[in-house]
N, C-alpha and C. Protein backbone atom coordinates (compact mmCIF):
# COMPACT_ATOMS: atom_id res chain seq x y z
N MET A 1 -11.02 -0.93 12.24
CA MET A 1 -12.14 -1.47 11.49
C MET A 1 -11.61 -2.12 10.22
N LYS A 2 -12.18 -3.24 9.87
CA LYS A 2 -11.76 -3.96 8.68
C LYS A 2 -12.19 -3.21 7.43
N CYS A 3 -11.44 -3.40 6.36
CA CYS A 3 -11.72 -2.74 5.09
C CYS A 3 -13.13 -3.08 4.60
N HIS A 4 -13.53 -4.34 4.73
CA HIS A 4 -14.87 -4.76 4.29
C HIS A 4 -15.95 -4.03 5.08
N GLU A 5 -15.74 -3.87 6.39
CA GLU A 5 -16.71 -3.15 7.22
C GLU A 5 -16.81 -1.69 6.79
N THR A 6 -15.68 -1.11 6.48
CA THR A 6 -15.66 0.29 6.03
C THR A 6 -16.48 0.45 4.76
N LEU A 7 -16.29 -0.46 3.82
CA LEU A 7 -17.05 -0.41 2.57
C LEU A 7 -18.54 -0.57 2.81
N LEU A 8 -18.90 -1.46 3.72
CA LEU A 8 -20.32 -1.64 4.03
C LEU A 8 -20.89 -0.38 4.65
N LEU A 9 -20.16 0.20 5.60
CA LEU A 9 -20.69 1.38 6.29
C LEU A 9 -20.78 2.60 5.38
N GLU A 10 -20.05 2.61 4.28
CA GLU A 10 -20.16 3.70 3.32
C GLU A 10 -21.53 3.71 2.64
N ARG A 11 -22.26 2.59 2.72
CA ARG A 11 -23.60 2.51 2.16
C ARG A 11 -24.61 3.27 3.01
N ILE A 12 -24.26 3.53 4.26
CA ILE A 12 -25.15 4.23 5.18
C ILE A 12 -24.87 5.72 5.09
N THR A 13 -25.91 6.49 4.81
CA THR A 13 -25.75 7.93 4.66
C THR A 13 -26.69 8.65 5.62
N ILE A 14 -26.20 9.76 6.13
CA ILE A 14 -27.02 10.63 6.97
C ILE A 14 -27.02 11.99 6.30
N ILE A 15 -28.17 12.35 5.77
CA ILE A 15 -28.30 13.58 5.00
C ILE A 15 -29.36 14.45 5.70
N PRO A 16 -28.93 15.60 6.23
CA PRO A 16 -29.91 16.48 6.88
C PRO A 16 -31.06 16.78 5.91
N GLY A 17 -32.27 16.67 6.41
CA GLY A 17 -33.44 16.95 5.58
C GLY A 17 -34.01 15.73 4.88
N LEU A 18 -33.22 14.66 4.78
CA LEU A 18 -33.72 13.43 4.16
C LEU A 18 -34.15 12.47 5.26
N MET A 19 -35.41 12.14 5.28
CA MET A 19 -35.97 11.22 6.27
C MET A 19 -35.68 11.68 7.71
N GLY A 20 -35.74 12.98 7.90
CA GLY A 20 -35.54 13.54 9.23
C GLY A 20 -34.12 13.38 9.75
N GLY A 21 -33.17 13.19 8.85
CA GLY A 21 -31.78 13.03 9.25
C GLY A 21 -31.44 11.64 9.76
N LYS A 22 -32.37 10.70 9.60
CA LYS A 22 -32.11 9.31 10.03
C LYS A 22 -31.12 8.66 9.05
N PRO A 23 -30.37 7.68 9.53
CA PRO A 23 -29.46 6.95 8.64
C PRO A 23 -30.26 6.23 7.54
N THR A 24 -29.86 6.46 6.32
CA THR A 24 -30.53 5.84 5.17
C THR A 24 -29.55 4.97 4.39
N ILE A 25 -30.11 4.24 3.46
CA ILE A 25 -29.33 3.36 2.60
C ILE A 25 -29.00 4.08 1.31
N ARG A 26 -27.73 4.33 1.08
CA ARG A 26 -27.21 4.93 -0.15
C ARG A 26 -27.96 6.19 -0.56
N GLY A 27 -28.37 7.01 0.40
CA GLY A 27 -29.02 8.27 0.09
C GLY A 27 -30.45 8.13 -0.41
N ASN A 28 -31.01 6.94 -0.32
CA ASN A 28 -32.39 6.71 -0.73
C ASN A 28 -33.32 6.95 0.45
N ARG A 29 -34.59 6.91 0.19
CA ARG A 29 -35.58 7.13 1.24
C ARG A 29 -35.93 5.82 1.94
N PHE A 30 -34.91 5.03 2.20
CA PHE A 30 -35.06 3.75 2.88
C PHE A 30 -34.11 3.78 4.07
N THR A 31 -34.67 3.77 5.28
CA THR A 31 -33.82 3.94 6.47
C THR A 31 -33.29 2.60 6.99
N VAL A 32 -32.24 2.72 7.78
CA VAL A 32 -31.67 1.54 8.45
C VAL A 32 -32.75 0.89 9.31
N ILE A 33 -33.50 1.70 10.04
CA ILE A 33 -34.54 1.13 10.91
C ILE A 33 -35.60 0.38 10.11
N ASP A 34 -35.88 0.82 8.88
CA ASP A 34 -36.82 0.08 8.03
C ASP A 34 -36.35 -1.35 7.83
N ILE A 35 -35.08 -1.51 7.56
CA ILE A 35 -34.52 -2.85 7.33
C ILE A 35 -34.57 -3.67 8.61
N ILE A 36 -34.20 -3.07 9.73
CA ILE A 36 -34.22 -3.78 11.00
C ILE A 36 -35.64 -4.23 11.33
N GLU A 37 -36.61 -3.37 11.08
CA GLU A 37 -38.01 -3.73 11.35
C GLU A 37 -38.49 -4.86 10.45
N LEU A 38 -38.09 -4.83 9.19
CA LEU A 38 -38.47 -5.92 8.28
C LEU A 38 -37.88 -7.25 8.75
N LEU A 39 -36.61 -7.23 9.14
CA LEU A 39 -35.98 -8.44 9.65
C LEU A 39 -36.65 -8.92 10.93
N SER A 40 -36.97 -7.98 11.82
CA SER A 40 -37.57 -8.38 13.09
C SER A 40 -39.00 -8.89 12.91
N SER A 41 -39.62 -8.55 11.78
CA SER A 41 -40.97 -9.06 11.51
C SER A 41 -40.92 -10.50 11.01
N GLY A 42 -39.72 -10.99 10.75
CA GLY A 42 -39.57 -12.37 10.30
C GLY A 42 -39.24 -12.53 8.83
N MET A 43 -39.15 -11.42 8.11
CA MET A 43 -38.81 -11.52 6.68
C MET A 43 -37.36 -11.97 6.52
N THR A 44 -37.12 -12.76 5.51
CA THR A 44 -35.75 -13.17 5.20
C THR A 44 -35.11 -12.11 4.30
N ASN A 45 -33.80 -12.19 4.18
CA ASN A 45 -33.10 -11.27 3.28
C ASN A 45 -33.67 -11.36 1.87
N ASP A 46 -33.89 -12.58 1.40
CA ASP A 46 -34.41 -12.76 0.04
C ASP A 46 -35.80 -12.15 -0.12
N GLU A 47 -36.64 -12.29 0.89
CA GLU A 47 -37.98 -11.69 0.82
C GLU A 47 -37.90 -10.17 0.78
N ILE A 48 -37.00 -9.60 1.59
CA ILE A 48 -36.83 -8.15 1.60
C ILE A 48 -36.36 -7.67 0.25
N LEU A 49 -35.38 -8.35 -0.31
CA LEU A 49 -34.83 -7.94 -1.61
C LEU A 49 -35.86 -8.07 -2.72
N GLU A 50 -36.69 -9.09 -2.64
CA GLU A 50 -37.73 -9.28 -3.65
C GLU A 50 -38.80 -8.20 -3.55
N GLU A 51 -39.17 -7.84 -2.32
CA GLU A 51 -40.22 -6.84 -2.11
C GLU A 51 -39.72 -5.41 -2.34
N HIS A 52 -38.42 -5.19 -2.15
CA HIS A 52 -37.84 -3.85 -2.26
C HIS A 52 -36.63 -3.89 -3.20
N PRO A 53 -36.88 -3.88 -4.51
CA PRO A 53 -35.80 -4.05 -5.49
C PRO A 53 -34.74 -2.94 -5.46
N ILE A 54 -35.02 -1.83 -4.80
CA ILE A 54 -34.02 -0.78 -4.68
C ILE A 54 -32.85 -1.22 -3.79
N LEU A 55 -33.11 -2.20 -2.93
CA LEU A 55 -32.09 -2.67 -1.99
C LEU A 55 -31.21 -3.75 -2.61
N GLU A 56 -29.99 -3.81 -2.10
CA GLU A 56 -29.04 -4.86 -2.46
C GLU A 56 -28.70 -5.64 -1.20
N SER A 57 -28.24 -6.85 -1.38
CA SER A 57 -27.90 -7.71 -0.25
C SER A 57 -26.95 -7.02 0.73
N GLU A 58 -25.98 -6.31 0.19
CA GLU A 58 -25.01 -5.62 1.04
C GLU A 58 -25.65 -4.51 1.87
N ASP A 59 -26.77 -3.97 1.40
CA ASP A 59 -27.48 -2.94 2.16
C ASP A 59 -28.01 -3.52 3.47
N ILE A 60 -28.52 -4.72 3.42
CA ILE A 60 -29.04 -5.37 4.62
C ILE A 60 -27.90 -5.63 5.60
N THR A 61 -26.80 -6.15 5.09
CA THR A 61 -25.64 -6.39 5.94
C THR A 61 -25.13 -5.08 6.53
N ALA A 62 -25.11 -4.03 5.74
CA ALA A 62 -24.65 -2.73 6.21
C ALA A 62 -25.55 -2.19 7.31
N ALA A 63 -26.86 -2.37 7.15
CA ALA A 63 -27.81 -1.90 8.17
C ALA A 63 -27.59 -2.63 9.49
N LEU A 64 -27.36 -3.92 9.42
CA LEU A 64 -27.10 -4.69 10.63
C LEU A 64 -25.79 -4.27 11.28
N LEU A 65 -24.76 -4.09 10.48
CA LEU A 65 -23.46 -3.67 11.00
C LEU A 65 -23.57 -2.29 11.64
N PHE A 66 -24.22 -1.36 10.96
CA PHE A 66 -24.39 -0.01 11.49
C PHE A 66 -25.14 -0.05 12.82
N SER A 67 -26.19 -0.84 12.88
CA SER A 67 -26.97 -0.95 14.12
C SER A 67 -26.13 -1.52 15.25
N ALA A 68 -25.38 -2.55 14.96
CA ALA A 68 -24.53 -3.17 15.98
C ALA A 68 -23.48 -2.19 16.49
N LYS A 69 -22.88 -1.45 15.59
CA LYS A 69 -21.86 -0.49 15.98
C LYS A 69 -22.47 0.68 16.75
N THR A 70 -23.66 1.09 16.37
CA THR A 70 -24.33 2.20 17.05
C THR A 70 -24.74 1.81 18.46
N ILE A 71 -25.29 0.63 18.60
CA ILE A 71 -25.73 0.15 19.92
C ILE A 71 -24.51 -0.12 20.81
N GLY A 72 -23.45 -0.61 20.20
CA GLY A 72 -22.24 -0.94 20.96
C GLY A 72 -21.49 0.27 21.48
N ASP A 73 -21.76 1.45 20.93
CA ASP A 73 -21.03 2.65 21.36
C ASP A 73 -21.59 3.23 22.62
């Protein structure tokens, strides 16, 4: 795995008891699936970031990377 990918995936946390143990973004109550659903609804990265200021651009990229790696396994 590339160093950049490793850094992105470090943004994804799985904490038992937080959001039912689902993968979240940086330990916040914002799940990877939340980001995927927002993207699939047609929102752009900029719209997501504007509506959810807790998120950073790299969080969206990390969620996509995590999803791709999870599905690919």
